[in-house]
């Protein structure tokens, strides 16, 4: 006793335009999250000259209108993270469905800039020499303030 209808092959229906847009938005959001995670772990140069050199190597503008040095470093960090994530995806063989992700990157940057409007304090690892010099300056300053009081 065989069931002829059980042997039929199933066909997949194409997604509607709305479903494709939602799926694309979801992929973009996942990419943004991955880039943000990567950016939080990257160590970027702190000296302005080094930051400018790194931006030039990435083909990015050195400074945008109204940017302060902290914003430039953050932009460098995000550019480096974006480059790393996209290179990993290319090497892993993940292809974009359309060129929408390229277009969406600029949208993602705009959204990221809106989210980053709040100033946050970020700490970096200082070299031993810098720490020692800061201790000397603090010592000197404290001695002088004691004399004034």
N, C-alpha and C. Protein backbone atom coordinates (compact mmCIF):
# COMPACT_ATOMS: atom_id res chain seq x y z
N UNK A 1 0.84 -1.16 0.00
CA UNK A 1 0.00 0.00 0.00
C UNK A 1 0.90 1.24 0.00
N UNK A 2 0.92 1.94 -1.06
CA UNK A 2 1.77 3.13 -1.16
C UNK A 2 0.90 4.38 -1.27
N UNK A 3 1.47 5.43 -0.78
CA UNK A 3 0.75 6.70 -0.82
C UNK A 3 1.38 7.57 -1.92
N UNK A 4 0.72 7.74 -3.04
CA UNK A 4 1.32 8.49 -4.12
C UNK A 4 1.51 9.97 -3.79
N UNK A 5 0.62 10.54 -3.00
CA UNK A 5 0.77 11.96 -2.69
C UNK A 5 1.90 12.22 -1.70
N UNK A 6 2.33 11.20 -0.96
CA UNK A 6 3.43 11.37 -0.01
C UNK A 6 4.77 11.46 -0.74
N UNK A 7 4.84 10.98 -1.93
CA UNK A 7 6.08 10.98 -2.68
C UNK A 7 6.28 12.28 -3.48
N UNK A 8 5.27 13.11 -3.50
CA UNK A 8 5.36 14.34 -4.27
C UNK A 8 6.46 15.25 -3.69
N UNK A 9 7.07 16.00 -4.57
CA UNK A 9 8.08 16.95 -4.10
C UNK A 9 7.39 18.25 -3.71
N UNK A 10 7.96 18.89 -2.75
CA UNK A 10 7.39 20.17 -2.31
C UNK A 10 8.12 21.30 -3.01
N UNK A 11 7.42 22.35 -3.27
CA UNK A 11 8.03 23.51 -3.87
C UNK A 11 7.95 24.67 -2.90
N UNK A 12 8.97 25.45 -2.90
CA UNK A 12 9.01 26.62 -2.01
C UNK A 12 8.47 27.82 -2.77
N UNK A 13 7.61 28.53 -2.13
CA UNK A 13 7.06 29.73 -2.73
C UNK A 13 8.01 30.89 -2.50
N UNK A 14 8.09 31.78 -3.44
CA UNK A 14 8.98 32.93 -3.23
C UNK A 14 8.42 33.84 -2.13
N UNK A 15 9.34 34.49 -1.43
CA UNK A 15 8.92 35.40 -0.36
C UNK A 15 8.29 36.65 -0.96
N UNK A 16 7.36 37.19 -0.23
CA UNK A 16 6.74 38.44 -0.68
C UNK A 16 7.76 39.57 -0.53
N UNK A 17 7.47 40.69 -1.16
CA UNK A 17 8.36 41.84 -1.11
C UNK A 17 8.54 42.30 0.34
N UNK A 18 7.47 42.30 1.10
CA UNK A 18 7.53 42.72 2.50
C UNK A 18 8.41 41.78 3.31
N UNK A 19 8.26 40.48 3.09
CA UNK A 19 9.08 39.50 3.81
C UNK A 19 10.55 39.65 3.45
N UNK A 20 10.83 39.91 2.19
CA UNK A 20 12.21 40.11 1.77
C UNK A 20 12.81 41.35 2.42
N UNK A 21 12.03 42.42 2.51
CA UNK A 21 12.51 43.64 3.15
C UNK A 21 12.78 43.41 4.63
N UNK A 22 11.89 42.69 5.30
CA UNK A 22 12.07 42.40 6.72
C UNK A 22 13.30 41.52 6.93
N UNK A 23 13.47 40.54 6.07
CA UNK A 23 14.63 39.66 6.17
C UNK A 23 15.92 40.45 5.94
N UNK A 24 15.89 41.36 4.98
CA UNK A 24 17.06 42.20 4.70
C UNK A 24 17.36 43.10 5.89
N UNK A 25 16.34 43.72 6.48
CA UNK A 25 16.52 44.56 7.66
C UNK A 25 17.11 43.75 8.82
N UNK A 26 16.66 42.53 8.98
CA UNK A 26 17.17 41.66 10.04
C UNK A 26 18.65 41.36 9.83
N UNK A 27 19.02 41.05 8.59
CA UNK A 27 20.43 40.78 8.28
C UNK A 27 21.29 42.01 8.53
N UNK A 28 20.77 43.17 8.19
CA UNK A 28 21.50 44.42 8.42
C UNK A 28 21.71 44.64 9.91
N UNK A 29 20.66 44.40 10.69
CA UNK A 29 20.76 44.57 12.14
C UNK A 29 21.78 43.62 12.74
N UNK A 30 21.77 42.37 12.28
CA UNK A 30 22.75 41.40 12.77
C UNK A 30 24.17 41.83 12.41
N UNK A 31 24.35 42.37 11.22
CA UNK A 31 25.67 42.85 10.80
C UNK A 31 26.12 44.02 11.68
N UNK A 32 25.21 44.94 11.97
CA UNK A 32 25.53 46.08 12.83
C UNK A 32 25.94 45.62 14.22
N UNK A 33 25.22 44.66 14.76
CA UNK A 33 25.53 44.15 16.10
C UNK A 33 26.91 43.49 16.10
N UNK A 34 27.19 42.72 15.06
CA UNK A 34 28.49 42.06 14.97
C UNK A 34 29.62 43.09 14.87
N UNK A 35 29.39 44.16 14.10
CA UNK A 35 30.39 45.21 13.96
C UNK A 35 30.60 45.92 15.29
N UNK A 36 29.53 46.20 16.02
CA UNK A 36 29.65 46.87 17.32
C UNK A 36 30.40 46.00 18.32
N UNK A 37 30.13 44.71 18.31
CA UNK A 37 30.85 43.80 19.21
C UNK A 37 32.34 43.81 18.89
N UNK A 38 32.66 43.74 17.61
CA UNK A 38 34.05 43.73 17.20
C UNK A 38 34.72 45.05 17.57
N UNK A 39 34.02 46.16 17.37
CA UNK A 39 34.58 47.48 17.67
C UNK A 39 34.91 47.63 19.15
N UNK A 40 34.10 47.02 20.00
CA UNK A 40 34.35 47.16 21.44
C UNK A 40 35.61 46.44 21.89
N UNK A 41 36.10 45.50 21.09
CA UNK A 41 37.30 44.76 21.47
C UNK A 41 38.56 45.26 20.77
N UNK A 42 38.40 46.14 19.79
CA UNK A 42 39.56 46.63 19.05
C UNK A 42 40.34 47.66 19.85
N UNK A 43 41.64 47.62 19.70
CA UNK A 43 42.50 48.64 20.29
C UNK A 43 42.97 49.52 19.13
N UNK A 44 42.70 50.81 19.25
CA UNK A 44 43.08 51.75 18.18
C UNK A 44 44.12 52.72 18.72
N UNK A 45 44.92 53.32 17.85
CA UNK A 45 45.94 54.27 18.31
C UNK A 45 45.31 55.48 18.99
N UNK A 46 46.06 56.09 19.90
CA UNK A 46 45.55 57.24 20.63
C UNK A 46 46.14 58.55 20.13
N UNK A 47 47.31 58.51 19.55
CA UNK A 47 47.93 59.73 19.04
C UNK A 47 47.22 60.18 17.77
N UNK A 48 46.90 61.47 17.66
CA UNK A 48 46.17 61.95 16.48
C UNK A 48 46.87 61.63 15.16
N UNK A 49 48.19 61.71 15.14
CA UNK A 49 48.92 61.42 13.89
C UNK A 49 48.72 59.97 13.48
N UNK A 50 48.77 59.06 14.47
CA UNK A 50 48.58 57.64 14.17
C UNK A 50 47.15 57.36 13.72
N UNK A 51 46.19 58.04 14.34
CA UNK A 51 44.79 57.87 13.96
C UNK A 51 44.59 58.35 12.52
N UNK A 52 45.16 59.51 12.18
CA UNK A 52 45.02 60.03 10.82
C UNK A 52 45.66 59.11 9.80
N UNK A 53 46.82 58.57 10.14
CA UNK A 53 47.50 57.64 9.23
C UNK A 53 46.64 56.40 8.99
N UNK A 54 46.08 55.86 10.07
CA UNK A 54 45.24 54.66 9.94
C UNK A 54 43.99 54.96 9.11
N UNK A 55 43.40 56.14 9.29
CA UNK A 55 42.22 56.50 8.50
C UNK A 55 42.58 56.63 7.02
N UNK A 56 43.74 57.21 6.74
CA UNK A 56 44.17 57.34 5.35
C UNK A 56 44.37 55.97 4.71
N UNK A 57 44.95 55.04 5.47
CA UNK A 57 45.16 53.68 4.95
C UNK A 57 43.84 53.00 4.62
N UNK A 58 42.79 53.33 5.39
CA UNK A 58 41.48 52.73 5.14
C UNK A 58 40.70 53.49 4.06
N UNK A 59 41.25 54.60 3.60
CA UNK A 59 40.56 55.38 2.58
C UNK A 59 39.45 56.25 3.14
N UNK A 60 39.51 56.52 4.43
CA UNK A 60 38.49 57.34 5.09
C UNK A 60 39.00 58.77 5.21
N UNK A 61 38.08 59.75 5.29
CA UNK A 61 38.53 61.13 5.52
C UNK A 61 39.16 61.25 6.90
N UNK A 62 40.16 62.10 7.00
CA UNK A 62 40.88 62.27 8.26
C UNK A 62 40.00 62.91 9.32
N UNK A 63 39.21 63.90 8.92
CA UNK A 63 38.35 64.59 9.88
C UNK A 63 37.09 65.05 9.18
N UNK A 64 35.95 64.84 9.79
CA UNK A 64 34.69 65.33 9.28
C UNK A 64 34.32 66.60 10.02
N UNK A 65 33.46 67.38 9.45
CA UNK A 65 33.08 68.66 10.05
C UNK A 65 32.51 68.45 11.44
N UNK A 66 33.05 69.17 12.40
CA UNK A 66 32.53 69.13 13.77
C UNK A 66 33.01 67.97 14.61
N UNK A 67 33.94 67.18 14.10
CA UNK A 67 34.43 66.04 14.86
C UNK A 67 35.55 66.47 15.80
N UNK A 68 35.52 65.93 17.01
CA UNK A 68 36.64 66.13 17.92
C UNK A 68 37.50 64.88 17.88
N UNK A 69 38.68 64.89 18.49
CA UNK A 69 39.58 63.72 18.41
C UNK A 69 38.94 62.41 18.88
N UNK A 70 38.08 62.49 19.89
CA UNK A 70 37.42 61.26 20.36
C UNK A 70 36.49 60.70 19.30
N UNK A 71 35.78 61.56 18.61
CA UNK A 71 34.88 61.11 17.54
C UNK A 71 35.66 60.49 16.39
N UNK A 72 36.82 61.07 16.09
CA UNK A 72 37.66 60.54 15.00
C UNK A 72 38.13 59.14 15.36
N UNK A 73 38.55 58.95 16.62
CA UNK A 73 38.99 57.62 17.07
C UNK A 73 37.84 56.62 16.99
N UNK A 74 36.65 57.04 17.41
CA UNK A 74 35.49 56.14 17.35
C UNK A 74 35.17 55.76 15.90
N UNK A 75 35.28 56.73 15.01
CA UNK A 75 35.03 56.44 13.59
C UNK A 75 36.07 55.47 13.05
N UNK A 76 37.32 55.65 13.47
CA UNK A 76 38.38 54.71 13.07
C UNK A 76 38.08 53.31 13.60
N UNK A 77 37.68 53.24 14.85
CA UNK A 77 37.36 51.95 15.47
C UNK A 77 36.23 51.25 14.69
N UNK A 78 35.18 52.00 14.35
CA UNK A 78 34.06 51.40 13.62
C UNK A 78 34.48 51.00 12.21
N UNK A 79 35.32 51.80 11.56
CA UNK A 79 35.79 51.45 10.21
C UNK A 79 36.63 50.18 10.23
N UNK A 80 37.50 50.08 11.23
CA UNK A 80 38.34 48.89 11.34
C UNK A 80 37.48 47.66 11.62
N UNK A 81 36.50 47.80 12.50
CA UNK A 81 35.62 46.68 12.83
C UNK A 81 34.80 46.26 11.61
N UNK A 82 34.27 47.24 10.88
CA UNK A 82 33.47 46.95 9.69
C UNK A 82 34.32 46.21 8.66
N UNK A 83 35.55 46.69 8.47
CA UNK A 83 36.44 46.05 7.50
C UNK A 83 36.73 44.60 7.92
N UNK A 84 37.02 44.39 9.20
CA UNK A 84 37.33 43.04 9.68
C UNK A 84 36.15 42.09 9.51
N UNK A 85 34.95 42.55 9.88
CA UNK A 85 33.77 41.70 9.79
C UNK A 85 33.46 41.37 8.32
N UNK A 86 33.53 42.35 7.46
CA UNK A 86 33.24 42.09 6.05
C UNK A 86 34.29 41.18 5.42
N UNK A 87 35.56 41.34 5.80
CA UNK A 87 36.60 40.45 5.28
C UNK A 87 36.37 39.02 5.74
N UNK A 88 35.97 38.86 7.01
CA UNK A 88 35.67 37.52 7.51
C UNK A 88 34.51 36.89 6.76
N UNK A 89 33.49 37.69 6.50
CA UNK A 89 32.34 37.17 5.77
C UNK A 89 32.72 36.77 4.36
N UNK A 90 33.56 37.57 3.72
CA UNK A 90 33.99 37.24 2.36
C UNK A 90 34.84 35.98 2.35
N UNK A 91 35.73 35.85 3.32
CA UNK A 91 36.58 34.67 3.37
C UNK A 91 35.80 33.42 3.74
N UNK A 92 34.71 33.59 4.48
CA UNK A 92 33.88 32.45 4.85
C UNK A 92 32.93 32.07 3.73
N UNK A 93 32.84 32.91 2.70
CA UNK A 93 31.99 32.57 1.56
C UNK A 93 30.58 33.08 1.70
N UNK A 94 30.31 33.93 2.66
CA UNK A 94 28.97 34.48 2.82
C UNK A 94 28.81 35.60 1.82
N UNK A 95 27.82 35.47 0.95
CA UNK A 95 27.60 36.49 -0.06
C UNK A 95 26.35 37.27 0.29
N UNK A 96 26.36 38.53 -0.08
CA UNK A 96 25.18 39.35 0.11
C UNK A 96 24.15 38.97 -0.94
N UNK A 97 22.88 38.99 -0.53
CA UNK A 97 21.82 38.67 -1.48
C UNK A 97 21.77 39.72 -2.58
N UNK A 98 21.85 40.96 -2.19
CA UNK A 98 21.86 42.07 -3.14
C UNK A 98 22.99 42.99 -2.74
N UNK A 99 23.03 44.12 -3.36
CA UNK A 99 23.98 45.13 -2.94
C UNK A 99 23.36 45.98 -1.85
N UNK A 100 22.26 45.50 -1.28
CA UNK A 100 21.56 46.26 -0.25
C UNK A 100 22.40 46.44 0.99
N UNK A 101 23.24 45.48 1.31
CA UNK A 101 24.07 45.62 2.50
C UNK A 101 25.08 46.74 2.33
N UNK A 102 25.57 46.92 1.09
CA UNK A 102 26.48 48.04 0.84
C UNK A 102 25.76 49.36 1.06
N UNK A 103 24.54 49.44 0.53
CA UNK A 103 23.76 50.65 0.72
C UNK A 103 23.36 50.81 2.16
N UNK A 104 23.08 49.69 2.80
CA UNK A 104 22.61 49.76 4.18
C UNK A 104 23.74 50.13 5.14
N UNK A 105 24.99 49.93 4.72
CA UNK A 105 26.10 50.32 5.60
C UNK A 105 26.08 51.80 5.88
N UNK A 106 25.78 52.60 4.84
CA UNK A 106 25.71 54.04 5.08
C UNK A 106 24.53 54.37 5.98
N UNK A 107 23.42 53.64 5.83
CA UNK A 107 22.29 53.82 6.73
C UNK A 107 22.68 53.39 8.14
N UNK A 108 23.44 52.31 8.24
CA UNK A 108 23.88 51.82 9.55
C UNK A 108 24.79 52.84 10.21
N UNK A 109 25.66 53.47 9.42
CA UNK A 109 26.55 54.49 9.98
C UNK A 109 25.73 55.67 10.50
N UNK A 110 24.70 56.08 9.75
CA UNK A 110 23.86 57.18 10.21
C UNK A 110 23.16 56.82 11.51
N UNK A 111 22.62 55.59 11.58
CA UNK A 111 21.97 55.15 12.81
C UNK A 111 22.97 55.09 13.95
N UNK A 112 24.17 54.61 13.65
CA UNK A 112 25.22 54.51 14.67
C UNK A 112 25.59 55.89 15.20
N UNK A 113 25.71 56.85 14.29
CA UNK A 113 26.05 58.21 14.71
C UNK A 113 24.96 58.79 15.59
N UNK A 114 23.71 58.51 15.27
CA UNK A 114 22.61 58.99 16.10
C UNK A 114 22.67 58.36 17.48
N UNK A 115 22.99 57.07 17.54
CA UNK A 115 23.07 56.38 18.82
C UNK A 115 24.27 56.87 19.62
N UNK A 116 25.36 57.25 18.95
CA UNK A 116 26.59 57.64 19.63
C UNK A 116 26.60 59.10 20.04
N UNK A 117 25.48 59.80 19.85
CA UNK A 117 25.46 61.21 20.20
C UNK A 117 25.73 61.40 21.69
N UNK A 118 25.36 60.42 22.48
CA UNK A 118 25.66 60.49 23.90
C UNK A 118 27.16 60.26 24.07
N UNK A 119 27.79 61.13 24.84
CA UNK A 119 29.22 60.98 25.08
C UNK A 119 29.44 59.89 26.12
N UNK A 120 30.34 58.98 25.84
CA UNK A 120 30.67 57.95 26.79
C UNK A 120 32.17 58.00 27.03
N UNK A 121 32.57 57.67 28.24
CA UNK A 121 33.98 57.65 28.58
C UNK A 121 34.54 56.29 28.21
N UNK A 122 35.65 56.31 27.47
CA UNK A 122 36.30 55.06 27.09
C UNK A 122 37.73 55.08 27.59
N UNK A 123 38.16 53.99 28.13
CA UNK A 123 39.50 53.89 28.69
C UNK A 123 40.37 53.02 27.80
N UNK A 124 41.63 53.39 27.71
CA UNK A 124 42.58 52.60 26.94
C UNK A 124 43.75 52.21 27.86
N UNK A 125 44.47 51.23 27.45
CA UNK A 125 45.61 50.76 28.24
C UNK A 125 46.78 51.71 28.01
N UNK A 126 47.32 52.26 29.10
CA UNK A 126 48.43 53.21 29.00
C UNK A 126 49.76 52.46 29.12
N UNK A 127 50.79 53.03 28.50
CA UNK A 127 52.13 52.45 28.60
C UNK A 127 52.72 52.78 29.97
N UNK A 128 53.65 51.97 30.39
CA UNK A 128 54.28 52.12 31.71
C UNK A 128 54.91 53.51 31.87
N UNK A 129 55.59 54.00 30.82
CA UNK A 129 56.23 55.33 30.88
C UNK A 129 55.20 56.43 31.14
N UNK A 130 54.07 56.33 30.47
CA UNK A 130 53.03 57.34 30.64
C UNK A 130 52.50 57.33 32.07
N UNK A 131 52.31 56.15 32.61
CA UNK A 131 51.81 56.03 33.99
C UNK A 131 52.80 56.65 34.97
N UNK A 132 54.09 56.38 34.77
CA UNK A 132 55.11 56.94 35.66
C UNK A 132 55.14 58.47 35.58
N UNK A 133 55.05 59.00 34.37
CA UNK A 133 55.05 60.46 34.22
C UNK A 133 53.82 61.08 34.87
N UNK A 134 52.69 60.43 34.74
CA UNK A 134 51.48 60.95 35.37
C UNK A 134 51.61 60.94 36.89
N UNK A 135 52.27 59.91 37.43
CA UNK A 135 52.49 59.85 38.88
C UNK A 135 53.38 61.00 39.33
N UNK A 136 54.42 61.30 38.53
CA UNK A 136 55.31 62.41 38.87
C UNK A 136 54.56 63.73 38.85
N UNK A 137 53.75 63.94 37.86
CA UNK A 137 52.97 65.18 37.76
C UNK A 137 52.01 65.30 38.94
N UNK A 138 51.35 64.21 39.28
CA UNK A 138 50.42 64.22 40.41
C UNK A 138 51.16 64.53 41.71
N UNK A 139 52.31 63.90 41.90
CA UNK A 139 53.12 64.16 43.09
C UNK A 139 53.49 65.64 43.20
N UNK A 140 53.99 66.17 42.09
CA UNK A 140 54.39 67.57 42.06
C UNK A 140 53.20 68.48 42.38
N UNK A 141 52.07 68.19 41.78
CA UNK A 141 50.88 69.01 41.98
C UNK A 141 50.39 68.95 43.42
N UNK A 142 50.41 67.76 44.00
CA UNK A 142 49.96 67.62 45.39
C UNK A 142 50.89 68.34 46.36
N UNK A 143 52.21 68.26 46.12
CA UNK A 143 53.16 68.97 46.97
C UNK A 143 52.92 70.48 46.90
N UNK A 144 52.73 70.99 45.71
CA UNK A 144 52.49 72.43 45.54
C UNK A 144 51.18 72.86 46.21
N UNK A 145 50.17 72.03 46.11
CA UNK A 145 48.88 72.41 46.74
C UNK A 145 48.98 72.38 48.26
N UNK A 146 49.77 71.45 48.81
CA UNK A 146 49.98 71.42 50.27
C UNK A 146 50.68 72.69 50.74
N UNK A 147 51.65 73.15 49.94
CA UNK A 147 52.36 74.38 50.32
C UNK A 147 51.42 75.58 50.32
N UNK A 148 50.48 75.61 49.40
CA UNK A 148 49.54 76.73 49.34
C UNK A 148 48.58 76.70 50.52
N UNK A 149 48.24 75.52 50.98
CA UNK A 149 47.27 75.40 52.07
C UNK A 149 48.01 75.54 53.36
